[in-house]
Amino acid sequence: AFGNLIGSNIFNILGIIGVTALVTDIPVLEATLDFDVYWMLGISVLVLPFMIYRRQVRRIEGVILLALYITYIAFLII
């Protein structure tokens, strides 16, 4: 599951955006860099210990990650 998640994210970032940038310029808003990048890095750092030490995410950690996702979506809407 984590391999699919990480592989999908890497492909979306490098593959899809790279091919799109070959076709046309992609404008990037500074607000996106100021907000989304920190969320992505923060969640990646949060999940990293689960993958390195235990190689599993327990139910409570899944609930925390889901709550963080809902919080992120709420911030995007507001």
PDB file of N, CA and C in Angstrom:
ATOM      1  N   ALA A   1       0.821  -1.191   0.000  1.00  0.00           N
ATOM      2  CA  ALA A   1       0.000   0.000   0.000  1.00  0.00           C
ATOM      3  C   ALA A   1       0.863   1.253   0.000  1.00  0.00           C
ATOM      4  N   PHE A   2       1.899   1.273   0.843  1.00  0.00           N
ATOM      5  CA  PHE A   2       2.761   2.449   0.874  1.00  0.00           C
ATOM      6  C   PHE A   2       3.547   2.589  -0.418  1.00  0.00           C
ATOM      7  N   GLY A   3       3.967   1.464  -0.974  1.00  0.00           N
ATOM      8  CA  GLY A   3       4.692   1.518  -2.242  1.00  0.00           C
ATOM      9  C   GLY A   3       3.850   2.130  -3.339  1.00  0.00           C
ATOM     10  N   ASN A   4       2.581   1.744  -3.395  1.00  0.00           N
ATOM     11  CA  ASN A   4       1.678   2.329  -4.383  1.00  0.00           C
ATOM     12  C   ASN A   4       1.488   3.816  -4.140  1.00  0.00           C
ATOM     13  N   LEU A   5       1.327   4.188  -2.887  1.00  0.00           N
ATOM     14  CA  LEU A   5       1.126   5.590  -2.537  1.00  0.00           C
ATOM     15  C   LEU A   5       2.339   6.422  -2.912  1.00  0.00           C
ATOM     16  N   ILE A   6       3.502   5.967  -2.533  1.00  0.00           N
ATOM     17  CA  ILE A   6       4.721   6.718  -2.816  1.00  0.00           C
ATOM     18  C   ILE A   6       5.003   6.727  -4.312  1.00  0.00           C
ATOM     19  N   GLY A   7       4.855   5.586  -4.961  1.00  0.00           N
ATOM     20  CA  GLY A   7       5.071   5.529  -6.402  1.00  0.00           C
ATOM     21  C   GLY A   7       4.117   6.423  -7.161  1.00  0.00           C
ATOM     22  N   SER A   8       2.869   6.457  -6.737  1.00  0.00           N
ATOM     23  CA  SER A   8       1.878   7.316  -7.376  1.00  0.00           C
ATOM     24  C   SER A   8       2.232   8.781  -7.194  1.00  0.00           C
ATOM     25  N   ASN A   9       2.637   9.159  -5.996  1.00  0.00           N
ATOM     26  CA  ASN A   9       3.012  10.553  -5.749  1.00  0.00           C
ATOM     27  C   ASN A   9       4.232  10.955  -6.560  1.00  0.00           C
ATOM     28  N   ILE A  10       5.216  10.094  -6.603  1.00  0.00           N
ATOM     29  CA  ILE A  10       6.422  10.402  -7.370  1.00  0.00           C
ATOM     30  C   ILE A  10       6.085  10.530  -8.849  1.00  0.00           C
ATOM     31  N   PHE A  11       5.274   9.613  -9.370  1.00  0.00           N
ATOM     32  CA  PHE A  11       4.898   9.701 -10.777  1.00  0.00           C
ATOM     33  C   PHE A  11       4.095  10.964 -11.055  1.00  0.00           C
ATOM     34  N   ASN A  12       3.152  11.301 -10.175  1.00  0.00           N
ATOM     35  CA  ASN A  12       2.354  12.512 -10.381  1.00  0.00           C
ATOM     36  C   ASN A  12       3.227  13.756 -10.370  1.00  0.00           C
ATOM     37  N   ILE A  13       4.172  13.810  -9.468  1.00  0.00           N
ATOM     38  CA  ILE A  13       5.026  14.991  -9.375  1.00  0.00           C
ATOM     39  C   ILE A  13       5.989  15.059 -10.553  1.00  0.00           C
ATOM     40  N   LEU A  14       6.682  13.983 -10.824  1.00  0.00           N
ATOM     41  CA  LEU A  14       7.715  14.022 -11.849  1.00  0.00           C
ATOM     42  C   LEU A  14       7.188  13.727 -13.248  1.00  0.00           C
ATOM     43  N   GLY A  15       6.351  12.723 -13.376  1.00  0.00           N
ATOM     44  CA  GLY A  15       5.881  12.311 -14.698  1.00  0.00           C
ATOM     45  C   GLY A  15       4.839  13.228 -15.290  1.00  0.00           C
ATOM     46  N   ILE A  16       3.718  13.358 -14.619  1.00  0.00           N
ATOM     47  CA  ILE A  16       2.604  14.135 -15.155  1.00  0.00           C
ATOM     48  C   ILE A  16       2.966  15.607 -15.275  1.00  0.00           C
ATOM     49  N   ILE A  17       3.533  16.170 -14.227  1.00  0.00           N
ATOM     50  CA  ILE A  17       3.895  17.589 -14.286  1.00  0.00           C
ATOM     51  C   ILE A  17       5.007  17.814 -15.305  1.00  0.00           C
ATOM     52  N   GLY A  18       5.935  16.891 -15.402  1.00  0.00           N
ATOM     53  CA  GLY A  18       7.006  17.025 -16.391  1.00  0.00           C
ATOM     54  C   GLY A  18       6.491  17.007 -17.818  1.00  0.00           C
ATOM     55  N   VAL A  19       5.608  16.072 -18.129  1.00  0.00           N
ATOM     56  CA  VAL A  19       5.040  15.997 -19.481  1.00  0.00           C
ATOM     57  C   VAL A  19       4.201  17.238 -19.774  1.00  0.00           C
ATOM     58  N   THR A  20       3.431  17.678 -18.796  1.00  0.00           N
ATOM     59  CA  THR A  20       2.622  18.882 -18.982  1.00  0.00           C
ATOM     60  C   THR A  20       3.510  20.093 -19.222  1.00  0.00           C
ATOM     61  N   ALA A  21       4.615  20.205 -18.507  1.00  0.00           N
ATOM     62  CA  ALA A  21       5.529  21.333 -18.686  1.00  0.00           C
ATOM     63  C   ALA A  21       6.200  21.297 -20.053  1.00  0.00           C
ATOM     64  N   LEU A  22       6.337  20.110 -20.639  1.00  0.00           N
ATOM     65  CA  LEU A  22       6.866  20.034 -21.998  1.00  0.00           C
ATOM     66  C   LEU A  22       5.900  20.641 -23.004  1.00  0.00           C
ATOM     67  N   VAL A  23       4.611  20.506 -22.736  1.00  0.00           N
ATOM     68  CA  VAL A  23       3.584  20.998 -23.655  1.00  0.00           C
ATOM     69  C   VAL A  23       3.349  22.493 -23.470  1.00  0.00           C
ATOM     70  N   THR A  24       3.258  22.930 -22.225  1.00  0.00           N
ATOM     71  CA  THR A  24       2.959  24.332 -21.939  1.00  0.00           C
ATOM     72  C   THR A  24       3.554  24.727 -20.596  1.00  0.00           C
ATOM     73  N   ASP A  25       3.741  26.017 -20.411  1.00  0.00           N
ATOM     74  CA  ASP A  25       4.235  26.499 -19.123  1.00  0.00           C
ATOM     75  C   ASP A  25       3.181  26.283 -18.047  1.00  0.00           C
ATOM     76  N   ILE A  26       3.647  25.990 -16.842  1.00  0.00           N
ATOM     77  CA  ILE A  26       2.740  25.778 -15.717  1.00  0.00           C
ATOM     78  C   ILE A  26       2.982  26.893 -14.699  1.00  0.00           C
ATOM     79  N   PRO A  27       2.015  27.788 -14.543  1.00  0.00           N
ATOM     80  CA  PRO A  27       2.193  28.827 -13.521  1.00  0.00           C
ATOM     81  C   PRO A  27       2.026  28.235 -12.122  1.00  0.00           C
ATOM     82  N   VAL A  28       2.860  28.677 -11.214  1.00  0.00           N
ATOM     83  CA  VAL A  28       2.786  28.213  -9.831  1.00  0.00           C
ATOM     84  C   VAL A  28       2.581  29.434  -8.944  1.00  0.00           C
ATOM     85  N   LEU A  29       1.481  29.439  -8.236  1.00  0.00           N
ATOM     86  CA  LEU A  29       1.186  30.551  -7.342  1.00  0.00           C
ATOM     87  C   LEU A  29       2.071  30.482  -6.104  1.00  0.00           C
ATOM     88  N   GLU A  30       2.496  31.633  -5.621  1.00  0.00           N
ATOM     89  CA  GLU A  30       3.335  31.654  -4.430  1.00  0.00           C
ATOM     90  C   GLU A  30       2.587  31.122  -3.214  1.00  0.00           C
ATOM     91  N   ALA A  31       1.285  31.342  -3.172  1.00  0.00           N
ATOM     92  CA  ALA A  31       0.481  30.822  -2.059  1.00  0.00           C
ATOM     93  C   ALA A  31       0.539  29.300  -2.019  1.00  0.00           C
ATOM     94  N   THR A  32       0.596  28.673  -3.185  1.00  0.00           N
ATOM     95  CA  THR A  32       0.711  27.218  -3.249  1.00  0.00           C
ATOM     96  C   THR A  32       2.028  26.765  -2.644  1.00  0.00           C
ATOM     97  N   LEU A  33       3.094  27.460  -2.990  1.00  0.00           N
ATOM     98  CA  LEU A  33       4.400  27.097  -2.446  1.00  0.00           C
ATOM     99  C   LEU A  33       4.457  27.318  -0.942  1.00  0.00           C
ATOM    100  N   ASP A  34       3.802  28.361  -0.479  1.00  0.00           N
ATOM    101  CA  ASP A  34       3.843  28.673   0.946  1.00  0.00           C
ATOM    102  C   ASP A  34       3.003  27.715   1.781  1.00  0.00           C
ATOM    103  N   PHE A  35       1.983  27.105   1.213  1.00  0.00           N
ATOM    104  CA  PHE A  35       1.049  26.286   1.993  1.00  0.00           C
ATOM    105  C   PHE A  35       1.195  24.799   1.702  1.00  0.00           C
ATOM    106  N   ASP A  36       1.017  24.401   0.474  1.00  0.00           N
ATOM    107  CA  ASP A  36       0.966  22.981   0.119  1.00  0.00           C
ATOM    108  C   ASP A  36       2.285  22.259   0.342  1.00  0.00           C
ATOM    109  N   VAL A  37       3.382  22.918   0.048  1.00  0.00           N
ATOM    110  CA  VAL A  37       4.680  22.260   0.195  1.00  0.00           C
ATOM    111  C   VAL A  37       4.939  21.896   1.654  1.00  0.00           C
ATOM    112  N   TYR A  38       4.582  22.784   2.567  1.00  0.00           N
ATOM    113  CA  TYR A  38       4.799  22.492   3.988  1.00  0.00           C
ATOM    114  C   TYR A  38       3.919  21.345   4.468  1.00  0.00           C
ATOM    115  N   TRP A  39       2.692  21.289   3.997  1.00  0.00           N
ATOM    116  CA  TRP A  39       1.813  20.164   4.352  1.00  0.00           C
ATOM    117  C   TRP A  39       2.394  18.855   3.828  1.00  0.00           C
ATOM    118  N   MET A  40       2.822  18.858   2.562  1.00  0.00           N
ATOM    119  CA  MET A  40       3.351  17.637   1.960  1.00  0.00           C
ATOM    120  C   MET A  40       4.610  17.173   2.697  1.00  0.00           C
ATOM    121  N   LEU A  41       5.495  18.098   2.997  1.00  0.00           N
ATOM    122  CA  LEU A  41       6.710  17.732   3.721  1.00  0.00           C
ATOM    123  C   LEU A  41       6.401  17.264   5.141  1.00  0.00           C
ATOM    124  N   GLY A  42       5.483  17.946   5.808  1.00  0.00           N
ATOM    125  CA  GLY A  42       5.130  17.574   7.172  1.00  0.00           C
ATOM    126  C   GLY A  42       4.531  16.185   7.266  1.00  0.00           C
ATOM    127  N   ILE A  43       3.612  15.876   6.382  1.00  0.00           N
ATOM    128  CA  ILE A  43       2.989  14.550   6.397  1.00  0.00           C
ATOM    129  C   ILE A  43       4.008  13.478   6.019  1.00  0.00           C
ATOM    130  N   SER A  44       4.891  13.785   5.077  1.00  0.00           N
ATOM    131  CA  SER A  44       5.926  12.822   4.699  1.00  0.00           C
ATOM    132  C   SER A  44       6.837  12.514   5.878  1.00  0.00           C
ATOM    133  N   VAL A  45       7.224  13.542   6.615  1.00  0.00           N
ATOM    134  CA  VAL A  45       8.075  13.341   7.793  1.00  0.00           C
ATOM    135  C   VAL A  45       7.318  12.568   8.869  1.00  0.00           C
ATOM    136  N   LEU A  46       6.018  12.807   8.994  1.00  0.00           N
ATOM    137  CA  LEU A  46       5.207  12.105   9.985  1.00  0.00           C
ATOM    138  C   LEU A  46       5.081  10.614   9.658  1.00  0.00           C
ATOM    139  N   VAL A  47       4.942  10.268   8.402  1.00  0.00           N
ATOM    140  CA  VAL A  47       4.740   8.876   7.993  1.00  0.00           C
ATOM    141  C   VAL A  47       6.063   8.108   7.930  1.00  0.00           C
ATOM    142  N   LEU A  48       7.161   8.796   7.739  1.00  0.00           N
ATOM    143  CA  LEU A  48       8.457   8.145   7.567  1.00  0.00           C
ATOM    144  C   LEU A  48       8.829   7.184   8.700  1.00  0.00           C
ATOM    145  N   PRO A  49       8.661   7.544   9.975  1.00  0.00           N
ATOM    146  CA  PRO A  49       9.013   6.578  11.034  1.00  0.00           C
ATOM    147  C   PRO A  49       8.189   5.289  10.983  1.00  0.00           C
ATOM    148  N   PHE A  50       6.915   5.381  10.582  1.00  0.00           N
ATOM    149  CA  PHE A  50       6.098   4.169  10.472  1.00  0.00           C
ATOM    150  C   PHE A  50       6.702   3.222   9.445  1.00  0.00           C
ATOM    151  N   MET A  51       7.195   3.778   8.367  1.00  0.00           N
ATOM    152  CA  MET A  51       7.720   2.954   7.284  1.00  0.00           C
ATOM    153  C   MET A  51       9.097   2.392   7.620  1.00  0.00           C
ATOM    154  N   ILE A  52       9.907   3.162   8.295  1.00  0.00           N
ATOM    155  CA  ILE A  52      11.279   2.732   8.560  1.00  0.00           C
ATOM    156  C   ILE A  52      11.347   1.737   9.719  1.00  0.00           C
ATOM    157  N   TYR A  53      10.680   2.036  10.824  1.00  0.00           N
ATOM    158  CA  TYR A  53      10.864   1.231  12.036  1.00  0.00           C
ATOM    159  C   TYR A  53       9.882   0.077  12.163  1.00  0.00           C
ATOM    160  N   ARG A  54       8.602   0.348  11.940  1.00  0.00           N
ATOM    161  CA  ARG A  54       7.612  -0.711  12.163  1.00  0.00           C
ATOM    162  C   ARG A  54       7.086  -1.314  10.873  1.00  0.00           C
ATOM    163  N   ARG A  55       7.214  -0.621   9.795  1.00  0.00           N
ATOM    164  CA  ARG A  55       6.706  -1.058   8.486  1.00  0.00           C
ATOM    165  C   ARG A  55       5.205  -1.310   8.499  1.00  0.00           C
ATOM    166  N   GLN A  56       4.503  -0.558   9.344  1.00  0.00           N
ATOM    167  CA  GLN A  56       3.047  -0.652   9.376  1.00  0.00           C
ATOM    168  C   GLN A  56       2.471   0.625   9.981  1.00  0.00           C
ATOM    169  N   VAL A  57       1.250   0.906   9.629  1.00  0.00           N
ATOM    170  CA  VAL A  57       0.510   2.015  10.217  1.00  0.00           C
ATOM    171  C   VAL A  57      -0.671   1.404  10.951  1.00  0.00           C
ATOM    172  N   ARG A  58      -0.747   1.669  12.239  1.00  0.00           N
ATOM    173  CA  ARG A  58      -1.839   1.115  13.044  1.00  0.00           C
ATOM    174  C   ARG A  58      -3.093   1.950  12.885  1.00  0.00           C
ATOM    175  N   ARG A  59      -4.169   1.448  13.426  1.00  0.00           N
ATOM    176  CA  ARG A  59      -5.479   2.093  13.279  1.00  0.00           C
ATOM    177  C   ARG A  59      -5.473   3.529  13.806  1.00  0.00           C
ATOM    178  N   ILE A  60      -4.903   3.758  14.974  1.00  0.00           N
ATOM    179  CA  ILE A  60      -4.893   5.103  15.556  1.00  0.00           C
ATOM    180  C   ILE A  60      -4.088   6.068  14.684  1.00  0.00           C
ATOM    181  N   GLU A  61      -2.997   5.588  14.132  1.00  0.00           N
ATOM    182  CA  GLU A  61      -2.199   6.434  13.254  1.00  0.00           C
ATOM    183  C   GLU A  61      -2.944   6.733  11.963  1.00  0.00           C
ATOM    184  N   GLY A  62      -3.697   5.751  11.475  1.00  0.00           N
ATOM    185  CA  GLY A  62      -4.536   5.974  10.303  1.00  0.00           C
ATOM    186  C   GLY A  62      -5.598   7.025  10.564  1.00  0.00           C
ATOM    187  N   VAL A  63      -6.178   6.979  11.764  1.00  0.00           N
ATOM    188  CA  VAL A  63      -7.180   7.987  12.143  1.00  0.00           C
ATOM    189  C   VAL A  63      -6.533   9.371  12.188  1.00  0.00           C
ATOM    190  N   ILE A  64      -5.329   9.453  12.736  1.00  0.00           N
ATOM    191  CA  ILE A  64      -4.617  10.735  12.798  1.00  0.00           C
ATOM    192  C   ILE A  64      -4.328  11.254  11.395  1.00  0.00           C
ATOM    193  N   LEU A  65      -3.856  10.385  10.516  1.00  0.00           N
ATOM    194  CA  LEU A  65      -3.571  10.804   9.144  1.00  0.00           C
ATOM    195  C   LEU A  65      -4.839  11.246   8.425  1.00  0.00           C
ATOM    196  N   LEU A  66      -5.938  10.543   8.639  1.00  0.00           N
ATOM    197  CA  LEU A  66      -7.211  10.932   8.033  1.00  0.00           C
ATOM    198  C   LEU A  66      -7.670  12.286   8.569  1.00  0.00           C
ATOM    199  N   ALA A  67      -7.508  12.509   9.870  1.00  0.00           N
ATOM    200  CA  ALA A  67      -7.874  13.802  10.461  1.00  0.00           C
ATOM    201  C   ALA A  67      -7.011  14.923   9.888  1.00  0.00           C
ATOM    202  N   LEU A  68      -5.734  14.651   9.683  1.00  0.00           N
ATOM    203  CA  LEU A  68      -4.864  15.656   9.073  1.00  0.00           C
ATOM    204  C   LEU A  68      -5.285  15.955   7.640  1.00  0.00           C
ATOM    205  N   TYR A  69      -5.700  14.932   6.905  1.00  0.00           N
ATOM    206  CA  TYR A  69      -6.169  15.136   5.535  1.00  0.00           C
ATOM    207  C   TYR A  69      -7.431  15.999   5.519  1.00  0.00           C
ATOM    208  N   ILE A  70      -8.352  15.707   6.417  1.00  0.00           N
ATOM    209  CA  ILE A  70      -9.590  16.494   6.501  1.00  0.00           C
ATOM    210  C   ILE A  70      -9.263  17.942   6.876  1.00  0.00           C
ATOM    211  N   THR A  71      -8.307  18.126   7.784  1.00  0.00           N
ATOM    212  CA  THR A  71      -7.877  19.472   8.158  1.00  0.00           C
ATOM    213  C   THR A  71      -7.278  20.204   6.963  1.00  0.00           C
ATOM    214  N   TYR A  72      -6.454  19.510   6.203  1.00  0.00           N
ATOM    215  CA  TYR A  72      -5.843  20.106   5.004  1.00  0.00           C
ATOM    216  C   TYR A  72      -6.920  20.539   4.011  1.00  0.00           C
ATOM    217  N   ILE A  73      -7.885  19.676   3.754  1.00  0.00           N
ATOM    218  CA  ILE A  73      -8.972  20.013   2.828  1.00  0.00           C
ATOM    219  C   ILE A  73      -9.771  21.198   3.357  1.00  0.00           C
ATOM    220  N   ALA A  74     -10.006  21.239   4.661  1.00  0.00           N
ATOM    221  CA  ALA A  74     -10.738  22.364   5.259  1.00  0.00           C
ATOM    222  C   ALA A  74      -9.974  23.669   5.054  1.00  0.00           C
ATOM    223  N   PHE A  75      -8.654  23.643   5.227  1.00  0.00           N
ATOM    224  CA  PHE A  75      -7.856  24.848   4.992  1.00  0.00           C
ATOM    225  C   PHE A  75      -7.905  25.274   3.530  1.00  0.00           C
ATOM    226  N   LEU A  76      -7.964  24.319   2.613  1.00  0.00           N
ATOM    227  CA  LEU A  76      -8.060  24.665   1.192  1.00  0.00           C
ATOM    228  C   LEU A  76      -9.387  25.341   0.873  1.00  0.00           C
ATOM    229  N   ILE A  77     -10.443  24.885   1.522  1.00  0.00           N
ATOM    230  CA  ILE A  77     -11.771  25.442   1.256  1.00  0.00           C
ATOM    231  C   ILE A  77     -11.903  26.834   1.862  1.00  0.00           C
ATOM    232  N   ILE A  78     -11.329  27.028   3.039  1.00  0.00           N
ATOM    233  CA  ILE A  78     -11.440  28.326   3.732  1.00  0.00           C
ATOM    234  C   ILE A  78     -10.606  29.321   3.051  1.00  0.00           C
TER     235      ILE A  78
END
